[in-house]
Amino acid sequence: MANNTKTRKSIARNKAARHAYFIDETLEAGLVLTGTEVRSLRERNCNITDSFCLIRGGEAWLMGVHIRPYSHGGVWNVDPDRRRKLLLHRRQIDYLDGKLRTKGMALVPLELYFDEHNRVKLTIGLGRGKKLYDKRADMARRDSDREIQRALKERSRG
């Protein structure tokens, strides 16, 4: 019997994205990287917190990702903050381009990881920006859920 669960090794997560956006859809995209960047990612040297995606000229680009230079890279290390091309199908890029023309929509990187074939992949989310009152409502819901869990735990100890 085959195991259908995907094995993926997470490199970096963007926790702030779900706080600032309602994520409607998610997609998986490949990345165009150099060899030293991949080696650096194996050392988990990456930050995607302030990153974003753009579609320009029919191509998807990842901006604002910082991949630290590889420790043994020497002259082969590239600019750690350069823009990187996302690998998506033409139909996906056209679909996302149409969606991004809607006011308030953004393409947000959610997680960078190695897939089961050891390729670097990026989960991107199509999100709508949250207003301040939405963020407050989420925090209040999270606090009330925490209180409920605490009360149930206390009751079960009894």
N, C-alpha and C. Protein backbone atom coordinates (compact mmCIF):
# COMPACT_ATOMS: atom_id res chain seq x y z
N MET A 1 0.83 -1.17 0.00
CA MET A 1 0.00 0.00 0.00
C MET A 1 0.88 1.24 0.00
N ALA A 2 0.65 2.14 -0.96
CA ALA A 2 1.51 3.33 -1.10
C ALA A 2 1.06 4.42 -0.13
N ASN A 3 2.02 5.15 0.35
CA ASN A 3 1.75 6.26 1.23
C ASN A 3 1.57 7.52 0.37
N ASN A 4 0.39 8.12 0.40
CA ASN A 4 0.09 9.26 -0.47
C ASN A 4 0.41 10.61 0.16
N THR A 5 0.87 10.64 1.39
CA THR A 5 1.18 11.92 2.02
C THR A 5 2.44 12.50 1.41
N LYS A 6 2.42 13.79 1.20
CA LYS A 6 3.59 14.46 0.63
C LYS A 6 4.60 14.71 1.73
N THR A 7 5.84 14.35 1.46
CA THR A 7 6.90 14.66 2.41
C THR A 7 7.54 15.96 1.97
N ARG A 8 7.49 16.96 2.81
CA ARG A 8 8.10 18.22 2.47
C ARG A 8 8.83 18.77 3.69
N LYS A 9 10.01 19.32 3.39
CA LYS A 9 10.84 19.89 4.44
C LYS A 9 10.71 21.41 4.34
N SER A 10 10.07 21.98 5.32
CA SER A 10 9.83 23.42 5.31
C SER A 10 11.13 24.19 5.52
N ILE A 11 11.31 25.25 4.74
CA ILE A 11 12.48 26.11 4.86
C ILE A 11 12.11 27.38 5.61
N ALA A 12 11.02 28.02 5.14
CA ALA A 12 10.58 29.28 5.76
C ALA A 12 9.08 29.42 5.59
N ARG A 13 8.43 30.00 6.60
CA ARG A 13 7.00 30.27 6.56
C ARG A 13 6.76 31.75 6.75
N ASN A 14 5.71 32.25 6.12
CA ASN A 14 5.32 33.65 6.26
C ASN A 14 4.07 33.69 7.14
N LYS A 15 4.27 33.76 8.45
CA LYS A 15 3.16 33.75 9.39
C LYS A 15 2.36 35.05 9.34
N ALA A 16 3.01 36.13 8.98
CA ALA A 16 2.34 37.43 8.94
C ALA A 16 1.33 37.51 7.80
N ALA A 17 1.47 36.66 6.78
CA ALA A 17 0.59 36.73 5.62
C ALA A 17 -0.85 36.41 5.99
N ARG A 18 -1.06 35.38 6.77
CA ARG A 18 -2.43 35.00 7.16
C ARG A 18 -3.03 36.00 8.13
N HIS A 19 -2.18 36.76 8.82
CA HIS A 19 -2.67 37.82 9.70
C HIS A 19 -3.14 39.03 8.90
N ALA A 20 -2.46 39.31 7.80
CA ALA A 20 -2.76 40.53 7.03
C ALA A 20 -3.70 40.29 5.86
N TYR A 21 -3.93 39.03 5.46
CA TYR A 21 -4.74 38.74 4.27
C TYR A 21 -5.71 37.59 4.53
N PHE A 22 -6.87 37.65 3.86
CA PHE A 22 -7.75 36.49 3.73
C PHE A 22 -7.23 35.72 2.53
N ILE A 23 -6.75 34.51 2.71
CA ILE A 23 -6.20 33.73 1.61
C ILE A 23 -7.34 32.95 0.95
N ASP A 24 -7.66 33.30 -0.31
CA ASP A 24 -8.76 32.66 -1.03
C ASP A 24 -8.30 31.37 -1.71
N GLU A 25 -7.16 31.42 -2.39
CA GLU A 25 -6.66 30.26 -3.12
C GLU A 25 -5.16 30.13 -2.88
N THR A 26 -4.66 28.91 -3.01
CA THR A 26 -3.21 28.69 -2.92
C THR A 26 -2.75 27.93 -4.15
N LEU A 27 -1.52 28.21 -4.56
CA LEU A 27 -0.89 27.55 -5.69
C LEU A 27 0.52 27.16 -5.30
N GLU A 28 1.05 26.16 -6.00
CA GLU A 28 2.44 25.75 -5.81
C GLU A 28 3.23 26.20 -7.03
N ALA A 29 4.36 26.85 -6.80
CA ALA A 29 5.20 27.33 -7.89
C ALA A 29 6.64 26.91 -7.66
N GLY A 30 7.36 26.69 -8.75
CA GLY A 30 8.79 26.43 -8.67
C GLY A 30 9.53 27.76 -8.67
N LEU A 31 10.82 27.71 -8.43
CA LEU A 31 11.65 28.91 -8.39
C LEU A 31 12.89 28.69 -9.25
N VAL A 32 13.34 29.75 -9.92
CA VAL A 32 14.60 29.70 -10.66
C VAL A 32 15.69 30.17 -9.69
N LEU A 33 16.57 29.24 -9.30
CA LEU A 33 17.62 29.53 -8.33
C LEU A 33 18.97 29.08 -8.87
N THR A 34 20.03 29.64 -8.30
CA THR A 34 21.37 29.18 -8.62
C THR A 34 21.76 28.07 -7.64
N GLY A 35 22.84 27.37 -7.93
CA GLY A 35 23.28 26.27 -7.08
C GLY A 35 23.63 26.69 -5.67
N THR A 36 24.29 27.84 -5.52
CA THR A 36 24.67 28.29 -4.18
C THR A 36 23.44 28.71 -3.38
N GLU A 37 22.40 29.19 -4.06
CA GLU A 37 21.17 29.55 -3.34
C GLU A 37 20.49 28.30 -2.77
N VAL A 38 20.47 27.23 -3.55
CA VAL A 38 19.87 25.99 -3.08
C VAL A 38 20.67 25.44 -1.90
N ARG A 39 21.97 25.50 -1.98
CA ARG A 39 22.81 25.02 -0.87
C ARG A 39 22.58 25.85 0.39
N SER A 40 22.41 27.16 0.20
CA SER A 40 22.12 28.02 1.33
C SER A 40 20.76 27.69 1.94
N LEU A 41 19.78 27.37 1.07
CA LEU A 41 18.46 27.00 1.58
C LEU A 41 18.50 25.69 2.36
N ARG A 42 19.42 24.80 1.99
CA ARG A 42 19.56 23.56 2.76
C ARG A 42 20.03 23.85 4.18
N GLU A 43 20.74 24.97 4.35
CA GLU A 43 21.17 25.41 5.69
C GLU A 43 20.07 26.23 6.37
N ARG A 44 18.90 26.35 5.75
CA ARG A 44 17.73 27.08 6.26
C ARG A 44 18.00 28.57 6.44
N ASN A 45 18.75 29.15 5.50
CA ASN A 45 19.09 30.57 5.59
C ASN A 45 18.20 31.40 4.67
N CYS A 46 16.95 31.62 5.07
CA CYS A 46 16.02 32.33 4.20
C CYS A 46 15.00 33.10 5.03
N ASN A 47 14.52 34.22 4.48
CA ASN A 47 13.49 35.03 5.13
C ASN A 47 12.48 35.47 4.06
N ILE A 48 11.21 35.06 4.21
CA ILE A 48 10.19 35.46 3.24
C ILE A 48 9.11 36.34 3.86
N THR A 49 9.37 36.88 5.04
CA THR A 49 8.35 37.65 5.76
C THR A 49 7.90 38.89 4.99
N ASP A 50 8.82 39.65 4.44
CA ASP A 50 8.46 40.90 3.76
C ASP A 50 8.40 40.74 2.24
N SER A 51 8.19 39.52 1.76
CA SER A 51 8.23 39.29 0.32
C SER A 51 6.84 39.40 -0.31
N PHE A 52 6.82 39.54 -1.63
CA PHE A 52 5.58 39.63 -2.38
C PHE A 52 5.84 39.15 -3.80
N CYS A 53 4.76 38.88 -4.54
CA CYS A 53 4.87 38.40 -5.92
C CYS A 53 4.25 39.41 -6.86
N LEU A 54 4.83 39.53 -8.04
CA LEU A 54 4.34 40.42 -9.09
C LEU A 54 4.21 39.65 -10.39
N ILE A 55 3.34 40.13 -11.25
CA ILE A 55 3.27 39.58 -12.60
C ILE A 55 3.57 40.73 -13.55
N ARG A 56 4.69 40.62 -14.27
CA ARG A 56 5.14 41.66 -15.19
C ARG A 56 5.54 41.01 -16.51
N GLY A 57 4.99 41.51 -17.59
CA GLY A 57 5.36 41.00 -18.91
C GLY A 57 5.04 39.54 -19.12
N GLY A 58 3.95 39.06 -18.52
CA GLY A 58 3.57 37.67 -18.69
C GLY A 58 4.42 36.69 -17.90
N GLU A 59 5.20 37.18 -16.94
CA GLU A 59 6.02 36.33 -16.09
C GLU A 59 5.76 36.66 -14.63
N ALA A 60 5.85 35.66 -13.77
CA ALA A 60 5.65 35.85 -12.33
C ALA A 60 7.01 36.01 -11.66
N TRP A 61 7.12 36.98 -10.77
CA TRP A 61 8.38 37.28 -10.09
C TRP A 61 8.17 37.30 -8.58
N LEU A 62 9.18 36.84 -7.87
CA LEU A 62 9.19 36.86 -6.42
C LEU A 62 10.16 37.95 -5.98
N MET A 63 9.65 38.90 -5.21
CA MET A 63 10.47 40.05 -4.79
C MET A 63 10.60 40.05 -3.26
N GLY A 64 11.71 40.60 -2.79
CA GLY A 64 11.88 40.83 -1.36
C GLY A 64 12.27 39.61 -0.54
N VAL A 65 12.64 38.50 -1.18
CA VAL A 65 13.09 37.32 -0.43
C VAL A 65 14.59 37.46 -0.19
N HIS A 66 14.99 37.22 1.05
CA HIS A 66 16.41 37.30 1.38
C HIS A 66 16.94 35.88 1.61
N ILE A 67 17.80 35.42 0.70
CA ILE A 67 18.49 34.14 0.87
C ILE A 67 19.95 34.46 1.16
N ARG A 68 20.37 34.16 2.39
CA ARG A 68 21.75 34.49 2.78
C ARG A 68 22.75 33.81 1.88
N PRO A 69 23.87 34.45 1.57
CA PRO A 69 24.90 33.81 0.74
C PRO A 69 25.39 32.51 1.37
N TYR A 70 25.66 31.53 0.53
CA TYR A 70 26.13 30.22 0.99
C TYR A 70 27.49 30.38 1.65
N SER A 71 27.66 29.69 2.78
CA SER A 71 28.88 29.87 3.57
C SER A 71 30.15 29.49 2.82
N HIS A 72 30.09 28.52 1.89
CA HIS A 72 31.27 28.12 1.13
C HIS A 72 31.13 28.51 -0.34
N GLY A 73 30.32 29.52 -0.65
CA GLY A 73 30.01 29.89 -2.04
C GLY A 73 31.10 30.67 -2.74
N GLY A 74 31.81 31.50 -2.03
CA GLY A 74 32.87 32.31 -2.64
C GLY A 74 32.34 33.24 -3.71
N VAL A 75 32.97 33.23 -4.88
CA VAL A 75 32.61 34.15 -5.96
C VAL A 75 31.31 33.75 -6.65
N TRP A 76 30.79 32.53 -6.38
CA TRP A 76 29.58 32.07 -7.06
C TRP A 76 28.29 32.54 -6.36
N ASN A 77 28.43 33.15 -5.19
CA ASN A 77 27.25 33.69 -4.51
C ASN A 77 26.69 34.85 -5.32
N VAL A 78 25.35 34.93 -5.37
CA VAL A 78 24.67 36.01 -6.08
C VAL A 78 24.08 36.97 -5.06
N ASP A 79 23.48 38.06 -5.55
CA ASP A 79 22.86 39.06 -4.69
C ASP A 79 21.76 38.39 -3.85
N PRO A 80 21.83 38.48 -2.52
CA PRO A 80 20.85 37.78 -1.68
C PRO A 80 19.42 38.31 -1.80
N ASP A 81 19.27 39.55 -2.26
CA ASP A 81 17.94 40.16 -2.35
C ASP A 81 17.44 40.32 -3.79
N ARG A 82 18.03 39.58 -4.73
CA ARG A 82 17.62 39.75 -6.13
C ARG A 82 16.21 39.22 -6.34
N ARG A 83 15.58 39.66 -7.44
CA ARG A 83 14.25 39.13 -7.75
C ARG A 83 14.41 37.78 -8.43
N ARG A 84 13.51 36.87 -8.13
CA ARG A 84 13.59 35.51 -8.64
C ARG A 84 12.33 35.17 -9.42
N LYS A 85 12.52 34.46 -10.52
CA LYS A 85 11.41 34.11 -11.39
C LYS A 85 10.65 32.92 -10.81
N LEU A 86 9.32 32.99 -10.86
CA LEU A 86 8.48 31.88 -10.43
C LEU A 86 8.11 31.04 -11.64
N LEU A 87 8.10 29.74 -11.47
CA LEU A 87 7.76 28.83 -12.55
C LEU A 87 6.31 28.39 -12.40
N LEU A 88 5.46 28.94 -13.27
CA LEU A 88 4.03 28.62 -13.30
C LEU A 88 3.62 28.35 -14.73
N HIS A 89 2.51 27.66 -14.91
CA HIS A 89 1.99 27.43 -16.25
C HIS A 89 1.40 28.73 -16.80
N ARG A 90 1.41 28.88 -18.11
CA ARG A 90 0.88 30.08 -18.76
C ARG A 90 -0.56 30.35 -18.32
N ARG A 91 -1.38 29.31 -18.28
CA ARG A 91 -2.78 29.46 -17.90
C ARG A 91 -2.91 29.99 -16.47
N GLN A 92 -2.03 29.51 -15.57
CA GLN A 92 -2.05 29.98 -14.18
C GLN A 92 -1.66 31.44 -14.09
N ILE A 93 -0.63 31.84 -14.85
CA ILE A 93 -0.17 33.23 -14.82
C ILE A 93 -1.27 34.15 -15.34
N ASP A 94 -1.94 33.76 -16.44
CA ASP A 94 -3.02 34.58 -16.98
C ASP A 94 -4.18 34.69 -16.01
N TYR A 95 -4.50 33.59 -15.34
CA TYR A 95 -5.58 33.58 -14.35
C TYR A 95 -5.25 34.52 -13.19
N LEU A 96 -4.02 34.41 -12.66
CA LEU A 96 -3.60 35.26 -11.54
C LEU A 96 -3.55 36.72 -11.95
N ASP A 97 -3.10 37.00 -13.17
CA ASP A 97 -3.04 38.37 -13.66
C ASP A 97 -4.43 38.99 -13.69
N GLY A 98 -5.41 38.22 -14.14
CA GLY A 98 -6.78 38.71 -14.16
C GLY A 98 -7.31 38.97 -12.76
N LYS A 99 -7.01 38.07 -11.83
CA LYS A 99 -7.47 38.23 -10.45
C LYS A 99 -6.81 39.42 -9.76
N LEU A 100 -5.52 39.65 -10.06
CA LEU A 100 -4.79 40.74 -9.40
C LEU A 100 -5.24 42.12 -9.86
N ARG A 101 -5.92 42.18 -10.99
CA ARG A 101 -6.44 43.48 -11.46
C ARG A 101 -7.64 43.93 -10.62
N THR A 102 -8.20 43.02 -9.81
CA THR A 102 -9.26 43.37 -8.89
C THR A 102 -8.67 44.16 -7.73
N LYS A 103 -9.38 45.19 -7.28
CA LYS A 103 -8.88 46.03 -6.20
C LYS A 103 -8.77 45.23 -4.90
N GLY A 104 -7.65 45.39 -4.23
CA GLY A 104 -7.46 44.76 -2.93
C GLY A 104 -6.89 43.35 -2.95
N MET A 105 -6.61 42.81 -4.13
CA MET A 105 -6.06 41.46 -4.23
C MET A 105 -4.53 41.52 -4.27
N ALA A 106 -3.90 40.52 -3.69
CA ALA A 106 -2.43 40.46 -3.68
C ALA A 106 -1.98 39.01 -3.78
N LEU A 107 -0.79 38.82 -4.30
CA LEU A 107 -0.18 37.50 -4.41
C LEU A 107 0.90 37.41 -3.33
N VAL A 108 0.68 36.56 -2.33
CA VAL A 108 1.51 36.53 -1.14
C VAL A 108 2.22 35.18 -1.00
N PRO A 109 3.54 35.16 -0.83
CA PRO A 109 4.25 33.90 -0.55
C PRO A 109 3.89 33.41 0.85
N LEU A 110 3.53 32.13 0.97
CA LEU A 110 3.14 31.57 2.26
C LEU A 110 4.21 30.66 2.86
N GLU A 111 4.80 29.79 2.03
CA GLU A 111 5.79 28.85 2.56
C GLU A 111 6.78 28.46 1.47
N LEU A 112 8.04 28.35 1.86
CA LEU A 112 9.10 27.88 0.98
C LEU A 112 9.55 26.53 1.52
N TYR A 113 9.64 25.52 0.66
CA TYR A 113 9.96 24.18 1.12
C TYR A 113 10.61 23.35 0.03
N PHE A 114 11.19 22.21 0.45
CA PHE A 114 11.69 21.20 -0.48
C PHE A 114 10.59 20.16 -0.63
N ASP A 115 10.23 19.80 -1.88
CA ASP A 115 9.20 18.78 -2.10
C ASP A 115 9.81 17.38 -2.00
N GLU A 116 9.03 16.36 -2.34
CA GLU A 116 9.50 14.99 -2.21
C GLU A 116 10.64 14.65 -3.17
N HIS A 117 10.84 15.44 -4.22
CA HIS A 117 11.96 15.23 -5.15
C HIS A 117 13.11 16.18 -4.88
N ASN A 118 13.12 16.82 -3.71
CA ASN A 118 14.15 17.77 -3.28
C ASN A 118 14.27 18.99 -4.18
N ARG A 119 13.16 19.43 -4.74
CA ARG A 119 13.14 20.67 -5.50
C ARG A 119 12.55 21.75 -4.62
N VAL A 120 13.04 22.98 -4.78
CA VAL A 120 12.53 24.09 -3.99
C VAL A 120 11.21 24.55 -4.58
N LYS A 121 10.18 24.58 -3.75
CA LYS A 121 8.85 25.01 -4.16
C LYS A 121 8.38 26.13 -3.24
N LEU A 122 7.44 26.91 -3.76
CA LEU A 122 6.87 28.02 -3.01
C LEU A 122 5.36 27.92 -3.07
N THR A 123 4.71 27.98 -1.92
CA THR A 123 3.25 28.05 -1.89
C THR A 123 2.89 29.52 -1.87
N ILE A 124 2.12 29.94 -2.87
CA ILE A 124 1.68 31.33 -2.94
C ILE A 124 0.18 31.37 -2.75
N GLY A 125 -0.30 32.42 -2.11
CA GLY A 125 -1.72 32.56 -1.85
C GLY A 125 -2.25 33.81 -2.51
N LEU A 126 -3.45 33.69 -3.06
CA LEU A 126 -4.16 34.83 -3.62
C LEU A 126 -5.02 35.38 -2.50
N GLY A 127 -4.68 36.56 -2.01
CA GLY A 127 -5.35 37.06 -0.82
C GLY A 127 -5.96 38.44 -0.98
N ARG A 128 -6.97 38.67 -0.14
CA ARG A 128 -7.59 39.99 -0.03
C ARG A 128 -7.10 40.60 1.27
N GLY A 129 -6.74 41.87 1.24
CA GLY A 129 -6.22 42.53 2.43
C GLY A 129 -7.27 42.66 3.51
N LYS A 130 -6.86 42.42 4.76
CA LYS A 130 -7.77 42.56 5.89
C LYS A 130 -7.77 43.99 6.38
N LYS A 131 -8.92 44.42 6.81
CA LYS A 131 -9.04 45.72 7.48
C LYS A 131 -8.68 45.51 8.95
N LEU A 132 -8.50 46.61 9.67
CA LEU A 132 -8.10 46.54 11.08
C LEU A 132 -9.16 45.81 11.91
N TYR A 133 -10.45 46.07 11.63
CA TYR A 133 -11.49 45.41 12.41
C TYR A 133 -11.53 43.90 12.15
N ASP A 134 -11.14 43.46 10.94
CA ASP A 134 -11.06 42.02 10.66
C ASP A 134 -9.96 41.38 11.50
N LYS A 135 -8.82 42.07 11.61
CA LYS A 135 -7.71 41.55 12.41
C LYS A 135 -8.11 41.45 13.87
N ARG A 136 -8.85 42.48 14.36
CA ARG A 136 -9.30 42.46 15.75
C ARG A 136 -10.27 41.32 15.99
N ALA A 137 -11.16 41.08 15.03
CA ALA A 137 -12.13 39.98 15.17
C ALA A 137 -11.42 38.63 15.21
N ASP A 138 -10.37 38.47 14.38
CA ASP A 138 -9.59 37.23 14.40
C ASP A 138 -8.91 37.03 15.75
N MET A 139 -8.33 38.11 16.28
CA MET A 139 -7.65 37.99 17.58
C MET A 139 -8.65 37.66 18.68
N ALA A 140 -9.85 38.27 18.65
CA ALA A 140 -10.87 37.99 19.66
C ALA A 140 -11.34 36.54 19.56
N ARG A 141 -11.52 36.03 18.33
CA ARG A 141 -11.93 34.64 18.13
C ARG A 141 -10.86 33.69 18.65
N ARG A 142 -9.60 34.00 18.38
CA ARG A 142 -8.51 33.15 18.83
C ARG A 142 -8.45 33.13 20.37
N ASP A 143 -8.63 34.32 20.99
CA ASP A 143 -8.62 34.39 22.45
C ASP A 143 -9.77 33.60 23.06
N SER A 144 -10.97 33.72 22.47
CA SER A 144 -12.13 32.99 23.01
C SER A 144 -11.94 31.48 22.84
N ASP A 145 -11.38 31.05 21.70
CA ASP A 145 -11.11 29.62 21.51
C ASP A 145 -10.11 29.11 22.55
N ARG A 146 -9.12 29.93 22.84
CA ARG A 146 -8.11 29.55 23.84
C ARG A 146 -8.75 29.41 25.22
N GLU A 147 -9.67 30.35 25.56
CA GLU A 147 -10.36 30.28 26.85
C GLU A 147 -11.24 29.03 26.93
N ILE A 148 -11.92 28.69 25.84
CA ILE A 148 -12.78 27.51 25.82
C ILE A 148 -11.93 26.25 26.02
N GLN A 149 -10.80 26.17 25.31
CA GLN A 149 -9.92 25.01 25.46
C GLN A 149 -9.39 24.90 26.89
N ARG A 150 -9.05 26.04 27.48
CA ARG A 150 -8.53 26.04 28.85
C ARG A 150 -9.61 25.55 29.82
N ALA A 151 -10.85 26.02 29.62
CA ALA A 151 -11.94 25.61 30.51
C ALA A 151 -12.24 24.12 30.35
N LEU A 152 -12.22 23.59 29.10
CA LEU A 152 -12.46 22.18 28.88
C LEU A 152 -11.36 21.33 29.51
N LYS A 153 -10.14 21.79 29.41
CA LYS A 153 -9.02 21.06 30.00
C LYS A 153 -9.15 21.01 31.52
N GLU A 154 -9.54 22.16 32.08
CA GLU A 154 -9.70 22.25 33.55
C GLU A 154 -10.85 21.34 34.00
N ARG A 155 -11.92 21.29 33.22
CA ARG A 155 -13.08 20.48 33.55
C ARG A 155 -12.77 18.98 33.47
N SER A 156 -11.95 18.60 32.49
CA SER A 156 -11.63 17.18 32.33
C SER A 156 -10.71 16.69 33.46
N ARG A 157 -9.94 17.60 34.04
CA ARG A 157 -9.09 17.22 35.17
C ARG A 157 -9.91 16.92 36.40
N GLY A 158 -10.98 17.72 36.53
CA GLY A 158 -11.94 17.66 37.52
C GLY A 158 -11.91 17.31 38.86
